[in-house]
């Protein structure tokens, strides 16, 4: 009897052991399949986008508009290369970003295609991270948005850029550089001469939260559809402090367009609390022609940002008091914009 019980216990132990072994094998196989699936999914393009719906009251005119409607596709072609394609559908479809990057070393990388020029601290900001509804005047007027040179290009151009970071710390580089050559004709446009525009920016971070920046732009532009090319030079200096609670950013930019000298500056201050609310104020100065005092405009803006879901869903409200040296037609503009990102 004892002998039979021993055989029964032994058989049971073998069965349990074999079952556990099979389960372990199945678990390993499942983990391997999951790992393979994750590897495949990691190589697929990542699709995102944003939608900005704006309301604006300006000089007794109120209107809703679709400020932005963008689809953004990014991906890794390999460990060395990645790519991006961003298309704007508001107003009329157009390609904003279309580039590939060669990620060689932290201190040296190359980017080809159409993308934002490395000029100024504010220009690289996306609509999802900019604390104001509109860019400062000097960014709009001297960095290729509604440029005094006639370029309407969302701060972008077609070309090639070298960039990287030096003196690496735990989570940042003390010095970052960007230098590129561009057509100078704006987005989705070929160049019409043999010269290229050169753009560069150097950012120094004495500490992680502080940025000191200097930018330069040397190029040419064809004004008023003439065949003659005129000077388009820019120089800018900026400072930014951002500890994720307090944000202060200020820039000065000088521009020479043909024989017209322009200049301006802005300062913006914001504070984020409970990770959702961010009051913001900005003083924004621009003189379109240094020789003409009457060309000066100063804007005073106060606003509030409310983020419902981190930085994906939110509402921005800005009130701007615009003052003009050329007249007494000072006016207030109220803007509200809903932000949706995915």
Protein backbone atom coordinates (compact mmCIF):
# COMPACT_ATOMS: atom_id res chain seq x y z
CA UNK A 1 0.00 0.00 0.00
CA UNK A 2 2.81 2.36 0.95
CA UNK A 3 4.51 1.48 -2.33
CA UNK A 4 1.39 2.43 -4.30
CA UNK A 5 1.06 5.71 -2.40
CA UNK A 6 4.71 6.51 -3.12
CA UNK A 7 4.18 5.95 -6.85
CA UNK A 8 1.04 8.10 -6.75
CA UNK A 9 2.85 11.00 -5.03
CA UNK A 10 5.78 10.69 -7.44
CA UNK A 11 3.48 10.76 -10.47
CA UNK A 12 1.67 13.79 -9.07
CA UNK A 13 4.94 15.61 -8.48
CA UNK A 14 6.13 14.85 -12.00
CA UNK A 15 2.82 16.06 -13.44
CA UNK A 16 2.93 19.31 -11.46
CA UNK A 17 6.57 19.85 -12.37
CA UNK A 18 5.94 19.19 -16.05
CA UNK A 19 2.89 21.46 -16.02
CA UNK A 20 4.92 24.27 -14.47
CA UNK A 21 7.66 23.71 -17.03
CA UNK A 22 5.16 23.90 -19.89
CA UNK A 23 3.63 27.04 -18.40
CA UNK A 24 7.08 28.58 -18.09
CA UNK A 25 7.79 27.70 -21.71
CA UNK A 26 4.49 29.20 -22.79
CA UNK A 27 5.21 32.33 -20.71
CA UNK A 28 8.67 32.66 -22.31
CA UNK A 29 7.16 32.22 -25.76
CA UNK A 30 4.50 34.85 -25.03
CA UNK A 31 7.12 37.29 -23.74
CA UNK A 32 9.21 36.73 -26.84
CA UNK A 33 6.21 37.40 -29.06
CA UNK A 34 5.38 40.56 -27.13
CA UNK A 35 9.00 41.72 -27.46
CA UNK A 36 8.95 41.09 -31.21
CA UNK A 37 5.64 42.92 -31.56
CA UNK A 38 6.99 45.89 -29.60
CA UNK A 39 10.06 45.96 -31.83
CA UNK A 40 7.86 46.01 -34.94
CA UNK A 41 5.59 48.72 -33.52
CA UNK A 42 8.61 50.83 -32.56
CA UNK A 43 9.63 50.98 -36.23
CA UNK A 44 6.20 52.12 -37.41
CA UNK A 45 5.64 55.87 -37.95
CA UNK A 46 4.18 57.76 -34.99
CA UNK A 47 1.19 59.83 -36.03
CA UNK A 48 0.15 62.92 -34.10
CA UNK A 49 -1.56 66.19 -34.84
CA UNK A 50 -3.08 69.36 -33.49
CA UNK A 51 -6.15 71.52 -33.99
CA UNK A 52 -6.39 75.19 -32.93
CA UNK A 53 -9.80 76.85 -33.02
CA UNK A 54 -9.63 80.59 -32.37
CA UNK A 55 -12.07 83.37 -31.53
CA UNK A 56 -10.94 86.96 -31.96
CA UNK A 57 -12.56 90.33 -31.25
CA UNK A 58 -10.72 93.16 -32.96
CA UNK A 59 -11.99 96.67 -33.78
CA UNK A 60 -15.68 95.82 -33.61
CA UNK A 61 -15.15 92.66 -35.67
CA UNK A 62 -15.55 89.25 -34.05
CA UNK A 63 -14.79 85.99 -35.80
CA UNK A 64 -14.07 82.29 -35.35
CA UNK A 65 -11.42 80.62 -37.46
CA UNK A 66 -9.44 77.40 -37.73
CA UNK A 67 -6.02 78.72 -36.84
CA UNK A 68 -4.20 75.41 -37.36
CA UNK A 69 -5.08 71.86 -38.40
CA UNK A 70 -1.95 69.75 -38.68
CA UNK A 71 -1.02 66.12 -39.15
CA UNK A 72 2.45 65.08 -38.05
CA UNK A 73 4.23 61.83 -38.97
CA UNK A 74 7.56 60.88 -37.39
CA UNK A 75 9.61 57.73 -37.33
CA UNK A 76 12.99 56.04 -37.09
CA UNK A 77 14.41 54.56 -40.26
CA UNK A 78 17.23 53.05 -38.20
CA UNK A 79 19.25 53.84 -35.10
CA UNK A 80 21.09 56.42 -37.18
CA UNK A 81 18.27 58.11 -39.10
CA UNK A 82 14.84 59.51 -38.30
CA UNK A 83 12.34 61.54 -40.33
CA UNK A 84 9.37 63.87 -40.04
CA UNK A 85 6.53 65.00 -42.29
CA UNK A 86 4.11 67.66 -41.01
CA UNK A 87 1.27 68.99 -43.16
CA UNK A 88 -0.94 72.02 -42.48
CA UNK A 89 -4.56 71.76 -43.67
CA UNK A 90 -5.94 75.10 -42.43
CA UNK A 91 -6.65 77.63 -45.22
CA UNK A 92 -4.94 75.51 -47.87
CA UNK A 93 -2.87 72.29 -47.56
CA UNK A 94 0.88 72.84 -47.43
CA UNK A 95 3.93 70.98 -46.21
CA UNK A 96 5.49 72.60 -43.13
CA UNK A 97 8.18 70.10 -42.17
CA UNK A 98 9.73 67.42 -44.36
CA UNK A 99 13.18 66.31 -43.27
CA UNK A 100 15.52 63.48 -42.38
CA UNK A 101 18.17 63.57 -39.68
CA UNK A 102 21.42 61.69 -39.39
CA UNK A 103 21.98 61.12 -35.65
CA UNK A 104 25.70 60.58 -35.53
CA UNK A 105 26.98 61.78 -32.15
CA UNK A 106 25.59 64.03 -29.41
CA UNK A 107 28.05 66.68 -30.55
CA UNK A 108 27.50 66.33 -34.33
CA UNK A 109 24.32 65.63 -36.30
CA UNK A 110 22.99 66.57 -39.73
CA UNK A 111 19.48 67.54 -40.84
CA UNK A 112 18.26 67.81 -44.47
CA UNK A 113 14.98 69.11 -45.85
CA UNK A 114 12.43 71.72 -44.83
CA UNK A 115 12.22 72.76 -41.19
CA UNK A 116 12.40 75.73 -38.82
CA UNK A 117 15.46 77.89 -39.19
CA UNK A 118 17.80 77.95 -36.17
CA UNK A 119 17.23 81.63 -35.47
CA UNK A 120 16.01 83.08 -32.14
CA UNK A 121 14.87 81.37 -28.95
CA UNK A 122 11.16 81.60 -29.72
CA UNK A 123 11.06 80.38 -33.31
CA UNK A 124 11.65 76.67 -32.42
CA UNK A 125 8.61 76.67 -30.09
CA UNK A 126 5.61 74.68 -31.31
CA UNK A 127 2.03 75.99 -30.87
CA UNK A 128 1.62 73.36 -28.13
CA UNK A 129 4.40 74.89 -26.01
CA UNK A 130 4.27 78.62 -26.83
CA UNK A 131 2.76 80.44 -23.85
CA UNK A 132 1.08 83.14 -26.02
CA UNK A 133 -1.41 82.73 -28.86
CA UNK A 134 0.72 84.79 -31.24
CA UNK A 135 4.46 85.18 -31.65
CA UNK A 136 6.14 88.40 -30.60
CA UNK A 137 6.31 91.05 -33.32
CA UNK A 138 10.04 90.65 -33.94
CA UNK A 139 9.59 86.91 -34.49
CA UNK A 140 6.75 87.45 -36.93
CA UNK A 141 8.40 90.39 -38.74
CA UNK A 142 12.05 89.33 -38.79
CA UNK A 143 12.08 85.51 -38.67
CA UNK A 144 10.04 84.57 -41.72
CA UNK A 145 6.39 84.51 -40.60
CA UNK A 146 5.06 87.84 -41.90
CA UNK A 147 8.56 89.03 -42.62
CA UNK A 148 9.27 92.61 -43.69
CA UNK A 149 11.25 90.98 -46.51
CA UNK A 150 8.01 89.53 -47.87
CA UNK A 151 8.72 85.93 -46.84
CA UNK A 152 5.67 84.02 -45.51
CA UNK A 153 7.12 80.73 -44.36
CA UNK A 154 6.16 79.95 -40.73
CA UNK A 155 9.79 80.49 -39.71
CA UNK A 156 10.94 77.68 -42.00
CA UNK A 157 13.09 77.17 -45.08
CA UNK A 158 14.67 74.41 -47.17
CA UNK A 159 18.28 73.49 -46.60
CA UNK A 160 20.81 71.60 -44.53
CA UNK A 161 21.82 72.09 -40.90
CA UNK A 162 24.56 70.81 -38.60
CA UNK A 163 23.81 70.73 -34.89
CA UNK A 164 24.91 69.21 -31.60
CA UNK A 165 25.77 69.72 -27.95
CA UNK A 166 29.12 70.00 -26.21
CA UNK A 167 30.25 69.53 -22.60
CA UNK A 168 27.50 67.11 -21.65
CA UNK A 169 26.11 67.14 -18.12
CA UNK A 170 23.68 64.60 -16.64
CA UNK A 171 20.67 65.79 -18.63
CA UNK A 172 21.82 68.70 -20.80
CA UNK A 173 24.69 70.13 -22.80
CA UNK A 174 26.42 73.30 -21.60
CA UNK A 175 26.80 74.56 -25.18
CA UNK A 176 24.49 73.83 -28.12
CA UNK A 177 25.09 74.95 -31.69
CA UNK A 178 23.06 75.04 -34.91
CA UNK A 179 24.42 76.21 -38.25
CA UNK A 180 22.72 75.78 -41.61
CA UNK A 181 22.55 76.86 -45.23
CA UNK A 182 19.12 77.54 -46.75
CA UNK A 183 17.54 78.68 -50.00
CA UNK A 184 16.16 81.81 -48.38
CA UNK A 185 12.96 81.55 -50.43
CA UNK A 186 10.68 80.10 -47.76
CA UNK A 187 8.73 76.85 -47.68
CA UNK A 188 7.87 74.70 -50.69
CA UNK A 189 9.90 76.95 -52.96
CA UNK A 190 13.06 76.50 -55.00
CA UNK A 191 15.85 79.05 -54.95
CA UNK A 192 16.34 81.36 -57.92
CA UNK A 193 20.03 82.17 -57.61
CA UNK A 194 23.29 80.45 -56.73
CA UNK A 195 23.86 82.05 -53.33
CA UNK A 196 22.58 80.52 -50.10
CA UNK A 197 21.52 82.07 -46.80
CA UNK A 198 23.53 81.13 -43.71
CA UNK A 199 21.77 80.88 -40.34
CA UNK A 200 23.35 80.07 -36.97
CA UNK A 201 22.49 80.00 -33.28
CA UNK A 202 24.59 79.28 -30.19
CA UNK A 203 22.93 78.54 -26.84
CA UNK A 204 24.90 78.46 -23.60
CA UNK A 205 23.44 76.86 -20.44
CA UNK A 206 25.45 77.88 -17.37
CA UNK A 207 22.88 75.82 -15.44
CA UNK A 208 20.07 73.63 -16.74
CA UNK A 209 17.35 76.25 -16.20
CA UNK A 210 19.19 79.18 -17.82
CA UNK A 211 19.85 79.81 -21.53
CA UNK A 212 21.92 82.59 -23.10
CA UNK A 213 21.48 82.72 -26.87
CA UNK A 214 22.95 84.49 -29.90
CA UNK A 215 21.64 84.13 -33.47
CA UNK A 216 22.74 85.36 -36.86
CA UNK A 217 21.28 85.36 -40.37
CA UNK A 218 23.12 86.46 -43.52
CA UNK A 219 21.30 86.24 -46.85
CA UNK A 220 19.48 87.80 -49.75
CA UNK A 221 15.86 88.21 -50.78
CA UNK A 222 14.08 89.17 -53.98
CA UNK A 223 11.75 92.05 -53.17
CA UNK A 224 8.49 92.90 -54.97
CA UNK A 225 8.92 90.11 -57.55
CA UNK A 226 11.86 91.94 -59.11
CA UNK A 227 14.87 90.03 -60.39
CA UNK A 228 17.22 92.01 -58.15
CA UNK A 229 18.28 90.49 -54.83
CA UNK A 230 18.57 92.68 -51.75
CA UNK A 231 20.27 92.23 -48.37
CA UNK A 232 18.43 90.25 -45.72
CA UNK A 233 20.56 90.17 -42.56
CA UNK A 234 19.47 89.54 -38.97
CA UNK A 235 21.16 89.45 -35.54
CA UNK A 236 19.53 88.44 -32.29
CA UNK A 237 20.32 87.97 -28.61
CA UNK A 238 18.15 86.31 -26.01
CA UNK A 239 17.87 85.04 -22.45
CA UNK A 240 15.56 82.41 -20.99
CA UNK A 241 14.98 81.13 -17.47
CA UNK A 242 12.64 78.15 -17.14
CA UNK A 243 12.37 75.92 -14.06
CA UNK A 244 8.96 74.48 -15.12
CA UNK A 245 7.25 76.85 -12.68
CA UNK A 246 8.65 80.27 -13.49
CA UNK A 247 9.36 81.23 -17.08
CA UNK A 248 11.09 84.41 -18.22
CA UNK A 249 12.21 84.93 -21.81
CA UNK A 250 13.44 88.05 -23.55
CA UNK A 251 14.99 88.73 -26.95
CA UNK A 252 16.33 91.59 -29.02
CA UNK A 253 16.54 91.31 -32.83
CA UNK A 254 18.01 93.70 -35.39
CA UNK A 255 17.24 93.36 -39.08
CA UNK A 256 18.59 94.91 -42.28
CA UNK A 257 16.29 94.39 -45.27
CA UNK A 258 17.64 96.08 -48.38
CA UNK A 259 18.42 99.54 -46.94
CA UNK A 260 15.77 99.48 -44.21
CA UNK A 261 16.88 98.86 -40.63
CA UNK A 262 14.40 97.32 -38.20
CA UNK A 263 14.66 96.43 -34.53
CA UNK A 264 12.58 95.25 -31.62
CA UNK A 265 12.43 93.36 -28.36
CA UNK A 266 10.03 91.54 -26.11
CA UNK A 267 9.91 90.21 -22.57
CA UNK A 268 7.49 87.53 -21.39
CA UNK A 269 6.87 86.31 -17.83
CA UNK A 270 4.72 83.31 -16.84
CA UNK A 271 4.10 81.18 -13.78
CA UNK A 272 2.58 77.69 -13.70
CA UNK A 273 0.71 76.42 -10.64
CA UNK A 274 -1.23 73.20 -9.95
CA UNK A 275 0.23 72.10 -13.31
CA UNK A 276 -2.84 73.46 -15.10
CA UNK A 277 -3.01 77.24 -14.80
CA UNK A 278 -0.43 79.60 -16.26
CA UNK A 279 -0.96 83.38 -16.14
CA UNK A 280 1.32 85.21 -18.56
CA UNK A 281 2.23 88.82 -19.38
CA UNK A 282 4.30 90.19 -22.27
CA UNK A 283 5.61 93.56 -23.44
CA UNK A 284 6.35 93.56 -27.17
CA UNK A 285 8.16 96.39 -29.03
CA UNK A 286 8.87 96.68 -32.77
CA UNK A 287 10.18 99.51 -34.94
CA UNK A 288 9.80 98.63 -38.61
CA UNK A 289 12.11 101.44 -39.76
CA UNK A 290 14.66 102.79 -37.29
CA UNK A 291 14.77 106.11 -39.18
CA UNK A 292 11.01 106.55 -38.78
CA UNK A 293 9.81 106.83 -35.18
CA UNK A 294 6.24 106.70 -36.49
CA UNK A 295 6.77 103.06 -37.53
CA UNK A 296 6.89 101.95 -33.88
CA UNK A 297 4.27 99.63 -32.36
CA UNK A 298 4.19 98.50 -28.73
CA UNK A 299 1.85 95.74 -27.53
CA UNK A 300 0.99 94.96 -23.91
CA UNK A 301 -0.48 91.50 -23.43
CA UNK A 302 -2.01 89.71 -20.43
CA UNK A 303 -3.25 86.15 -20.72
CA UNK A 304 -4.15 82.89 -19.05
CA UNK A 305 -3.46 79.33 -20.16
CA UNK A 306 -5.53 76.46 -18.77
CA UNK A 307 -4.36 72.92 -19.54
CA UNK A 308 -7.12 70.35 -19.13
CA UNK A 309 -5.01 67.34 -20.16
CA UNK A 310 -1.32 68.15 -19.68
CA UNK A 311 -0.20 69.89 -22.88
CA UNK A 312 -2.67 68.11 -25.17
CA UNK A 313 -5.98 69.82 -24.45
CA UNK A 314 -6.21 73.39 -23.24
CA UNK A 315 -7.51 76.92 -23.61
CA UNK A 316 -5.54 80.13 -24.10
CA UNK A 317 -6.98 83.61 -23.56
CA UNK A 318 -5.00 86.75 -24.45
CA UNK A 319 -5.91 90.42 -24.25
CA UNK A 320 -3.53 92.71 -26.13
CA UNK A 321 -3.48 96.50 -25.98
CA UNK A 322 -1.85 97.75 -29.19
CA UNK A 323 -0.29 101.23 -29.32
CA UNK A 324 0.91 102.96 -32.49
CA UNK A 325 3.33 105.88 -32.66
CA UNK A 326 1.87 106.97 -36.00
CA UNK A 327 -1.65 107.61 -34.70
CA UNK A 328 -3.96 107.62 -31.73
CA UNK A 329 -5.80 104.57 -33.03
CA UNK A 330 -4.75 102.43 -30.08
CA UNK A 331 -6.90 99.34 -29.78
CA UNK A 332 -7.51 96.23 -27.73
CA UNK A 333 -7.66 92.73 -29.20
CA UNK A 334 -9.24 89.82 -27.36
CA UNK A 335 -8.24 86.33 -28.49
CA UNK A 336 -9.24 82.90 -27.19
CA UNK A 337 -7.97 79.66 -28.65
CA UNK A 338 -8.86 76.06 -27.93
CA UNK A 339 -5.96 73.63 -28.34
CA UNK A 340 -6.38 69.94 -29.11
CA UNK A 341 -3.43 67.63 -29.61
CA UNK A 342 -3.15 63.90 -30.09
